[in-house]
Amino acid sequence: MPALPYWRLSAVYLAYFACVGVLQPYLGLYLQSLGQGAAELGALVAAMQLARIVSTNGWAWLADRARHREWVLRAAAVASLVAWLPMFVARDFLALGLVLAAASFAMGGVVPLTEAIVLARLRDQVSRYGRLRIWGSLGFIVAVLCAGWAFDRVPIGVLPVLTCIALLAVVVAAYAVPPAPQLRPAQHERVLPMLRRPEIAAFLVSAFLLQVAHGPLYTFLSIYLADFGYSPSFIGAMWSLGVAAEIVAFLLMPRLLARFGTGPVLLASFALAAIRFALIGWGVASAPLVVVAQLLHGATFGAHHAAAVAVTARWFAGARQARGQAAYLSVSFGAGGMVGGLASGLLWDSVGAAWTFGSGSAAALLGLAVLAANRAARGAAPPSPIGTGMG
């Protein structure tokens, strides 16, 4: 087999998650600077999540019917850039909602399309996925730090410019992606009936619950730390530490998967997630415990995601691959992330911060129970006909 073009495959991860690193921490501040209140911010973020859920599956459906997936990826990258351009003039709630939803819809295709091309290239070397995905984590860290440095010196109003630059890098990277192995169109290879299989449904439910568990983290961690007197620099360091742990997890995944298999790695991720959110909820006053909790991000995100991608690739091989990865991404990070964020927002004022993070532990334990109850859901069983890509 010829050598894998690692840098050409990882460039999209690097550029895309650099864009996420600009948007995720600072978009709320930008929208607030335009006069949007808390209710409007919540609605705008929800609109983005809903658009992403729909688009992830739509782009994947198109990719599985295209003989040249790399061109579909390039179309998604260009559409993302074009959809973002009106943000330079959007100011009112409706205009902002339309632009953010359109941009999120287009950007929602980049990752599943990239995953499908990468996995098609890796073939039986799927354990090396982490070596490629790690560049997305590096891009995120660099972008968060650089954007924070920039916003200390220039107004938050330059965020559309920085995002535009990042999206332009995504376009360039997409055009550098080598051609993926051509597959016959998947006209008769339906995915929806496969999602009803008990092991696949259980796996997706568990992935959904793990992202619900992360809802309080992504929504309130910075606020919670600030309430306990931690400085902005410490808060930023904790976010960077979590992503650094994620990078280490991706580097270790080939060895871990080879030694233990996907099942134990997935189960350990849920167990450690329950511990992590309990540590944050009731140990936030202790800086060392906060550090330990953030180091566990390597397990609760990095290890789980790499193992989940491997399991999904085993079940949804061949021409179903893009739609299989899209189903995993939309159910977990899309629906799970949206429900987790909304639920944590409702719980924050009613039960308090500690119990809100405690609810994350409860969701992780529930996901652990779902996964443990169905051995096949962990990908531990030998590949079934689903793994062959045959309908």
Protein backbone atom coordinates (compact mmCIF):
# COMPACT_ATOMS: atom_id res chain seq x y z
CA MET A 1 0.00 0.00 0.00
CA PRO A 2 1.42 3.45 -0.87
CA ALA A 3 2.32 5.78 1.98
CA LEU A 4 -0.62 7.72 3.35
CA PRO A 5 -0.52 11.48 2.58
CA TYR A 6 -0.90 12.42 6.24
CA TRP A 7 -0.44 16.16 5.93
CA ARG A 8 -2.97 16.42 3.10
CA LEU A 9 -5.51 14.44 5.09
CA SER A 10 -4.93 16.25 8.39
CA ALA A 11 -4.91 19.79 6.93
CA VAL A 12 -8.71 20.02 6.92
CA TYR A 13 -8.86 19.05 10.60
CA LEU A 14 -6.25 21.70 11.40
CA ALA A 15 -8.05 24.49 9.53
CA TYR A 16 -11.61 23.54 10.51
CA PHE A 17 -10.97 23.27 14.24
CA ALA A 18 -8.92 26.46 14.15
CA CYS A 19 -12.13 28.07 12.91
CA VAL A 20 -14.01 26.42 15.79
CA GLY A 21 -11.36 27.77 18.16
CA VAL A 22 -12.13 31.30 16.98
CA LEU A 23 -15.91 30.90 17.09
CA GLN A 24 -16.73 28.70 20.08
CA PRO A 25 -15.20 30.79 22.89
CA TYR A 26 -15.82 34.25 21.42
CA LEU A 27 -19.01 34.20 19.32
CA GLY A 28 -21.17 34.94 22.37
CA LEU A 29 -19.07 38.00 23.18
CA TYR A 30 -19.37 39.22 19.59
CA LEU A 31 -23.14 38.77 19.54
CA GLN A 32 -23.38 40.50 22.92
CA SER A 33 -21.44 43.45 21.50
CA LEU A 34 -24.18 43.75 18.86
CA GLY A 35 -26.81 44.14 21.56
CA GLN A 36 -28.15 40.57 21.65
CA GLY A 37 -29.44 39.53 25.08
CA ALA A 38 -29.23 36.17 26.84
CA ALA A 39 -32.48 34.86 25.34
CA GLU A 40 -31.38 35.87 21.85
CA LEU A 41 -27.98 34.24 22.35
CA GLY A 42 -29.61 30.97 23.37
CA ALA A 43 -31.92 31.04 20.36
CA LEU A 44 -29.07 31.79 17.95
CA VAL A 45 -26.94 28.94 19.30
CA ALA A 46 -29.93 26.57 19.13
CA ALA A 47 -30.51 27.58 15.50
CA MET A 48 -26.90 26.74 14.69
CA GLN A 49 -27.17 23.32 16.35
CA LEU A 50 -30.40 22.46 14.56
CA ALA A 51 -28.94 23.48 11.20
CA ARG A 52 -25.88 21.34 11.89
CA ILE A 53 -27.96 18.27 12.78
CA VAL A 54 -29.86 18.48 9.49
CA SER A 55 -26.86 19.34 7.34
CA THR A 56 -24.53 16.66 8.69
CA ASN A 57 -26.84 13.93 7.43
CA GLY A 58 -27.65 15.78 4.20
CA TRP A 59 -24.02 16.22 3.21
CA ALA A 60 -23.27 12.62 4.12
CA TRP A 61 -26.20 11.38 2.00
CA LEU A 62 -24.75 13.29 -0.94
CA ALA A 63 -21.22 12.03 -0.29
CA ASP A 64 -22.32 8.39 -0.25
CA ARG A 65 -23.91 8.88 -3.68
CA ALA A 66 -20.95 10.71 -5.20
CA ARG A 67 -18.06 8.92 -6.83
CA HIS A 68 -15.71 11.76 -5.88
CA ARG A 69 -16.19 12.60 -2.21
CA GLU A 70 -13.34 15.09 -2.23
CA TRP A 71 -15.35 17.36 -4.56
CA VAL A 72 -18.34 17.25 -2.22
CA LEU A 73 -15.99 18.24 0.62
CA ARG A 74 -14.68 21.15 -1.42
CA ALA A 75 -18.23 22.27 -2.17
CA ALA A 76 -19.04 22.24 1.56
CA ALA A 77 -15.90 24.25 2.35
CA VAL A 78 -16.64 26.89 -0.29
CA ALA A 79 -20.29 27.07 0.80
CA SER A 80 -19.14 27.67 4.40
CA LEU A 81 -17.03 30.63 3.36
CA VAL A 82 -19.74 32.13 1.13
CA ALA A 83 -22.43 31.66 3.80
CA TRP A 84 -20.28 33.46 6.37
CA LEU A 85 -19.64 36.60 4.29
CA PRO A 86 -22.99 38.30 5.14
CA MET A 87 -21.90 38.32 8.80
CA PHE A 88 -19.92 41.47 7.97
CA VAL A 89 -23.21 43.38 7.61
CA ALA A 90 -25.66 41.36 9.75
CA ARG A 91 -26.67 43.25 12.92
CA ASP A 92 -30.25 42.45 13.94
CA PHE A 93 -31.48 39.19 15.44
CA LEU A 94 -33.17 37.84 12.31
CA ALA A 95 -30.23 38.58 10.00
CA LEU A 96 -27.77 37.08 12.47
CA GLY A 97 -29.93 33.98 12.83
CA LEU A 98 -30.13 33.45 9.09
CA VAL A 99 -26.39 33.90 8.56
CA LEU A 100 -25.38 31.68 11.48
CA ALA A 101 -27.84 28.95 10.50
CA ALA A 102 -26.66 29.02 6.86
CA ALA A 103 -22.98 28.97 7.84
CA SER A 104 -23.58 26.19 10.35
CA PHE A 105 -25.48 24.20 7.72
CA ALA A 106 -22.56 24.43 5.30
CA MET A 107 -19.86 23.83 7.94
CA GLY A 108 -21.77 20.78 9.21
CA GLY A 109 -20.63 18.88 6.13
CA VAL A 110 -16.90 19.41 6.52
CA VAL A 111 -16.16 16.96 9.34
CA PRO A 112 -18.28 13.94 8.25
CA LEU A 113 -17.03 14.29 4.68
CA THR A 114 -13.44 14.48 5.90
CA GLU A 115 -14.01 11.49 8.19
CA ALA A 116 -15.37 9.43 5.30
CA ILE A 117 -12.39 10.25 3.08
CA VAL A 118 -9.89 9.62 5.89
CA LEU A 119 -11.44 6.29 6.86
CA ALA A 120 -11.58 5.18 3.23
CA ARG A 121 -7.88 5.97 2.97
CA LEU A 122 -6.97 4.27 6.23
CA ARG A 123 -8.90 1.09 5.43
CA ASP A 124 -7.55 -1.52 7.86
CA GLN A 125 -5.34 1.09 9.59
CA VAL A 126 -8.26 2.82 11.34
CA SER A 127 -6.34 2.83 14.64
CA ARG A 128 -4.17 5.56 13.08
CA TYR A 129 -7.16 7.90 12.94
CA GLY A 130 -5.98 9.70 16.07
CA ARG A 131 -2.70 10.62 14.38
CA LEU A 132 -4.68 12.64 11.85
CA ARG A 133 -7.40 13.99 14.14
CA ILE A 134 -4.80 15.32 16.56
CA TRP A 135 -4.14 18.22 14.19
CA GLY A 136 -7.67 19.45 14.77
CA SER A 137 -6.93 19.68 18.49
CA LEU A 138 -3.69 21.55 17.80
CA GLY A 139 -5.52 23.95 15.50
CA PHE A 140 -8.11 24.61 18.18
CA ILE A 141 -5.48 25.38 20.84
CA VAL A 142 -3.49 27.72 18.61
CA ALA A 143 -6.63 29.53 17.45
CA VAL A 144 -7.99 29.99 20.98
CA LEU A 145 -4.71 31.44 22.23
CA CYS A 146 -4.12 33.65 19.18
CA ALA A 147 -7.69 34.95 19.12
CA GLY A 148 -7.54 35.69 22.85
CA TRP A 149 -4.27 37.58 22.34
CA ALA A 150 -5.85 39.51 19.47
CA PHE A 151 -9.00 40.43 21.39
CA ASP A 152 -6.88 41.84 24.19
CA ARG A 153 -5.60 44.36 21.65
CA VAL A 154 -8.38 44.89 19.10
CA PRO A 155 -12.19 45.07 19.41
CA ILE A 156 -14.26 41.88 19.38
CA GLY A 157 -15.81 43.28 16.22
CA VAL A 158 -12.96 41.78 14.16
CA LEU A 159 -14.26 38.26 14.84
CA PRO A 160 -15.93 37.99 11.40
CA VAL A 161 -12.56 38.79 9.80
CA LEU A 162 -10.68 36.15 11.78
CA THR A 163 -13.39 33.58 11.08
CA CYS A 164 -13.28 34.42 7.38
CA ILE A 165 -9.52 33.84 7.32
CA ALA A 166 -9.98 30.48 9.05
CA LEU A 167 -12.71 29.44 6.59
CA LEU A 168 -10.49 30.42 3.68
CA ALA A 169 -7.86 28.08 5.13
CA VAL A 170 -10.51 25.33 5.23
CA VAL A 171 -11.16 25.85 1.51
CA VAL A 172 -7.44 25.67 0.69
CA ALA A 173 -7.05 22.54 2.81
CA ALA A 174 -10.08 20.89 1.17
CA TYR A 175 -8.54 21.38 -2.26
CA ALA A 176 -5.35 19.72 -1.01
CA VAL A 177 -7.20 16.53 0.01
CA PRO A 178 -6.18 13.65 -2.29
CA PRO A 179 -8.85 11.73 -4.19
CA ALA A 180 -10.64 9.16 -2.09
CA PRO A 181 -11.06 5.57 -3.29
CA GLN A 182 -14.05 5.51 -5.61
CA LEU A 183 -17.11 3.58 -4.46
CA ARG A 184 -20.19 2.55 -6.31
CA PRO A 185 -23.15 4.84 -5.52
CA ALA A 186 -25.14 3.65 -2.52
CA GLN A 187 -28.55 3.74 -4.17
CA HIS A 188 -29.74 0.52 -2.55
CA GLU A 189 -27.71 0.65 0.67
CA ARG A 190 -30.07 2.26 3.13
CA VAL A 191 -28.80 3.39 6.52
CA LEU A 192 -32.02 4.14 8.43
CA PRO A 193 -33.08 0.48 8.87
CA MET A 194 -29.62 -0.29 10.21
CA LEU A 195 -30.01 2.35 12.91
CA ARG A 196 -32.85 0.29 14.37
CA ARG A 197 -30.56 -2.64 15.09
CA PRO A 198 -30.30 -3.00 18.90
CA GLU A 199 -26.51 -2.75 19.08
CA ILE A 200 -26.34 0.35 16.86
CA ALA A 201 -29.26 2.03 18.61
CA ALA A 202 -27.70 1.34 22.02
CA PHE A 203 -24.35 2.74 20.87
CA LEU A 204 -25.96 5.93 19.56
CA VAL A 205 -28.06 6.37 22.72
CA SER A 206 -24.91 6.06 24.84
CA ALA A 207 -23.05 8.57 22.65
CA PHE A 208 -26.01 10.95 22.95
CA LEU A 209 -25.97 10.64 26.75
CA LEU A 210 -22.23 11.31 26.95
CA GLN A 211 -22.66 14.60 25.11
CA VAL A 212 -25.65 15.48 27.29
CA ALA A 213 -23.27 14.93 30.21
CA HIS A 214 -20.84 17.43 28.65
CA GLY A 215 -23.56 20.11 28.39
CA PRO A 216 -22.79 21.83 31.72
CA LEU A 217 -19.07 21.81 30.89
CA TYR A 218 -19.38 23.54 27.53
CA THR A 219 -22.02 25.98 28.75
CA PHE A 220 -20.93 26.95 32.25
CA LEU A 221 -17.38 25.85 33.08
CA SER A 222 -15.85 29.31 32.55
CA ILE A 223 -18.63 31.00 34.53
CA TYR A 224 -18.35 28.46 37.35
CA LEU A 225 -14.59 28.90 37.66
CA ALA A 226 -14.91 32.69 37.57
CA ASP A 227 -17.52 32.55 40.35
CA PHE A 228 -14.93 30.81 42.54
CA GLY A 229 -12.37 33.53 41.92
CA TYR A 230 -10.19 31.90 39.29
CA SER A 231 -8.49 34.35 36.94
CA PRO A 232 -9.20 34.52 33.19
CA SER A 233 -5.68 33.25 32.49
CA PHE A 234 -6.30 30.19 34.70
CA ILE A 235 -9.63 29.56 32.99
CA GLY A 236 -8.00 29.75 29.57
CA ALA A 237 -5.23 27.43 30.73
CA MET A 238 -7.82 24.88 31.87
CA TRP A 239 -9.50 24.84 28.46
CA SER A 240 -6.11 24.42 26.80
CA LEU A 241 -5.16 21.69 29.26
CA GLY A 242 -8.28 19.72 28.36
CA VAL A 243 -7.48 19.87 24.65
CA ALA A 244 -3.83 18.97 25.36
CA ALA A 245 -5.06 15.86 27.20
CA GLU A 246 -7.22 15.11 24.19
CA ILE A 247 -4.12 15.24 21.98
CA VAL A 248 -2.29 12.77 24.21
CA ALA A 249 -5.30 10.44 24.06
CA PHE A 250 -5.30 10.53 20.26
CA LEU A 251 -1.60 9.69 20.22
CA LEU A 252 -2.12 6.73 22.55
CA MET A 253 -5.22 5.36 20.84
CA PRO A 254 -3.45 3.01 18.37
CA ARG A 255 -1.80 1.21 21.30
CA LEU A 256 -4.89 1.28 23.52
CA LEU A 257 -7.20 -0.05 20.82
CA ALA A 258 -4.72 -2.73 19.82
CA ARG A 259 -4.30 -3.89 23.42
CA PHE A 260 -7.79 -3.52 24.89
CA GLY A 261 -10.18 -3.14 21.95
CA THR A 262 -12.96 -0.58 21.54
CA GLY A 263 -15.28 -2.01 24.21
CA PRO A 264 -13.14 -1.42 27.31
CA VAL A 265 -12.02 1.99 26.02
CA LEU A 266 -15.63 3.11 25.58
CA LEU A 267 -16.70 1.84 28.98
CA ALA A 268 -13.74 3.51 30.70
CA SER A 269 -14.60 6.80 28.98
CA PHE A 270 -18.09 6.82 30.52
CA ALA A 271 -16.85 5.85 33.98
CA LEU A 272 -14.21 8.59 33.94
CA ALA A 273 -16.77 11.10 32.67
CA ALA A 274 -18.95 10.43 35.73
CA ILE A 275 -15.93 11.05 37.98
CA ARG A 276 -14.88 14.14 36.05
CA PHE A 277 -18.16 16.02 36.32
CA ALA A 278 -18.52 15.14 40.00
CA LEU A 279 -15.03 16.55 40.59
CA ILE A 280 -16.00 19.80 38.87
CA GLY A 281 -19.34 20.04 40.64
CA TRP A 282 -18.13 19.51 44.19
CA GLY A 283 -14.37 20.02 43.95
CA VAL A 284 -14.22 23.32 42.08
CA ALA A 285 -12.75 25.14 45.09
CA SER A 286 -9.59 23.02 44.77
CA ALA A 287 -7.37 24.02 41.85
CA PRO A 288 -5.60 20.62 41.77
CA LEU A 289 -8.96 18.84 41.45
CA VAL A 290 -9.95 21.16 38.61
CA VAL A 291 -6.68 20.28 36.88
CA VAL A 292 -7.38 16.56 37.31
CA ALA A 293 -10.90 17.02 35.96
CA GLN A 294 -9.62 18.77 32.86
CA LEU A 295 -6.97 16.12 32.27
CA LEU A 296 -9.83 13.60 32.13
CA HIS A 297 -11.02 15.32 28.95
CA GLY A 298 -8.52 13.07 27.20
CA ALA A 299 -10.73 10.12 28.14
CA THR A 300 -14.21 11.66 28.07
CA PHE A 301 -13.73 13.16 24.61
CA GLY A 302 -10.49 12.02 22.96
CA ALA A 303 -10.52 8.31 23.77
CA HIS A 304 -14.29 7.97 23.41
CA HIS A 305 -14.41 9.77 20.07
CA ALA A 306 -11.54 7.78 18.54
CA ALA A 307 -13.06 4.47 19.70
CA ALA A 308 -16.53 5.53 18.54
CA VAL A 309 -15.23 6.42 15.08
CA ALA A 310 -13.58 2.99 14.88
CA VAL A 311 -16.83 1.25 15.89
CA THR A 312 -18.86 3.29 13.42
CA ALA A 313 -16.37 2.58 10.62
CA ARG A 314 -16.69 -1.16 11.34
CA TRP A 315 -20.47 -1.11 11.07
CA PHE A 316 -20.86 1.38 8.23
CA ALA A 317 -18.18 0.35 5.79
CA GLY A 318 -17.96 1.07 2.08
CA ALA A 319 -20.56 3.31 0.50
CA ARG A 320 -22.44 3.80 3.78
CA GLN A 321 -19.47 5.27 5.60
CA ALA A 322 -20.23 8.99 5.37
CA ARG A 323 -23.84 8.52 6.48
CA GLY A 324 -22.78 6.26 9.33
CA GLN A 325 -20.31 8.82 10.65
CA ALA A 326 -22.92 11.56 10.14
CA ALA A 327 -25.45 9.61 12.20
CA TYR A 328 -22.95 9.30 15.04
CA LEU A 329 -21.97 12.98 14.88
CA SER A 330 -25.50 14.34 14.61
CA VAL A 331 -26.93 12.15 17.40
CA SER A 332 -24.03 12.72 19.79
CA PHE A 333 -22.50 16.15 19.26
CA GLY A 334 -25.59 17.58 17.54
CA ALA A 335 -28.64 16.38 19.47
CA GLY A 336 -26.75 15.45 22.64
CA GLY A 337 -24.90 18.74 22.76
CA MET A 338 -28.07 20.74 22.19
CA VAL A 339 -30.08 18.87 24.85
CA GLY A 340 -27.18 19.03 27.29
CA GLY A 341 -26.80 22.77 26.87
CA LEU A 342 -30.52 23.49 27.18
CA ALA A 343 -30.93 21.17 30.19
CA SER A 344 -27.96 22.67 32.03
CA GLY A 345 -29.36 26.13 31.43
CA LEU A 346 -32.65 25.13 33.05
CA LEU A 347 -30.95 23.40 35.98
CA TRP A 348 -28.38 26.09 36.73
CA ASP A 349 -30.74 28.45 38.58
CA SER A 350 -33.12 25.82 39.92
CA VAL A 351 -30.83 23.22 41.52
CA GLY A 352 -27.51 25.06 41.61
CA ALA A 353 -24.15 24.73 39.90
CA ALA A 354 -22.86 21.65 41.76
CA TRP A 355 -25.97 19.59 41.05
CA THR A 356 -26.00 20.75 37.44
CA PHE A 357 -22.56 19.20 36.98
CA GLY A 358 -23.81 16.28 39.05
CA SER A 359 -26.51 15.76 36.44
CA GLY A 360 -23.68 15.35 33.94
CA SER A 361 -22.29 12.53 36.06
CA ALA A 362 -25.75 10.94 36.15
CA ALA A 363 -26.06 11.13 32.35
CA ALA A 364 -22.61 9.54 31.95
CA LEU A 365 -23.56 6.70 34.32
CA LEU A 366 -26.78 6.13 32.39
CA GLY A 367 -24.78 5.96 29.16
CA LEU A 368 -22.41 3.49 30.81
CA ALA A 369 -25.36 1.30 31.78
CA VAL A 370 -26.78 1.37 28.24
CA LEU A 371 -23.42 0.43 26.76
CA ALA A 372 -22.65 -2.27 29.33
CA ALA A 373 -26.05 -3.89 28.79
CA ASN A 374 -25.36 -4.49 25.10
CA ARG A 375 -21.94 -5.98 24.40
CA ALA A 376 -22.36 -5.63 20.64
CA ALA A 377 -22.97 -1.89 21.07
CA ARG A 378 -19.32 -1.54 22.09
CA GLY A 379 -18.15 -2.99 18.80
CA ALA A 380 -16.74 -5.95 20.69
CA ALA A 381 -18.54 -8.53 18.63
CA PRO A 382 -17.07 -9.68 15.31
CA PRO A 383 -18.22 -7.55 12.37
CA SER A 384 -21.65 -8.52 11.13
CA PRO A 385 -22.85 -8.13 7.51
CA ILE A 386 -23.14 -4.42 8.29
CA GLY A 387 -19.38 -4.27 8.51
CA THR A 388 -19.05 -5.45 4.92
CA GLY A 389 -21.09 -2.61 3.51
CA MET A 390 -23.46 -5.09 1.84
CA GLY A 391 -27.19 -4.44 1.99
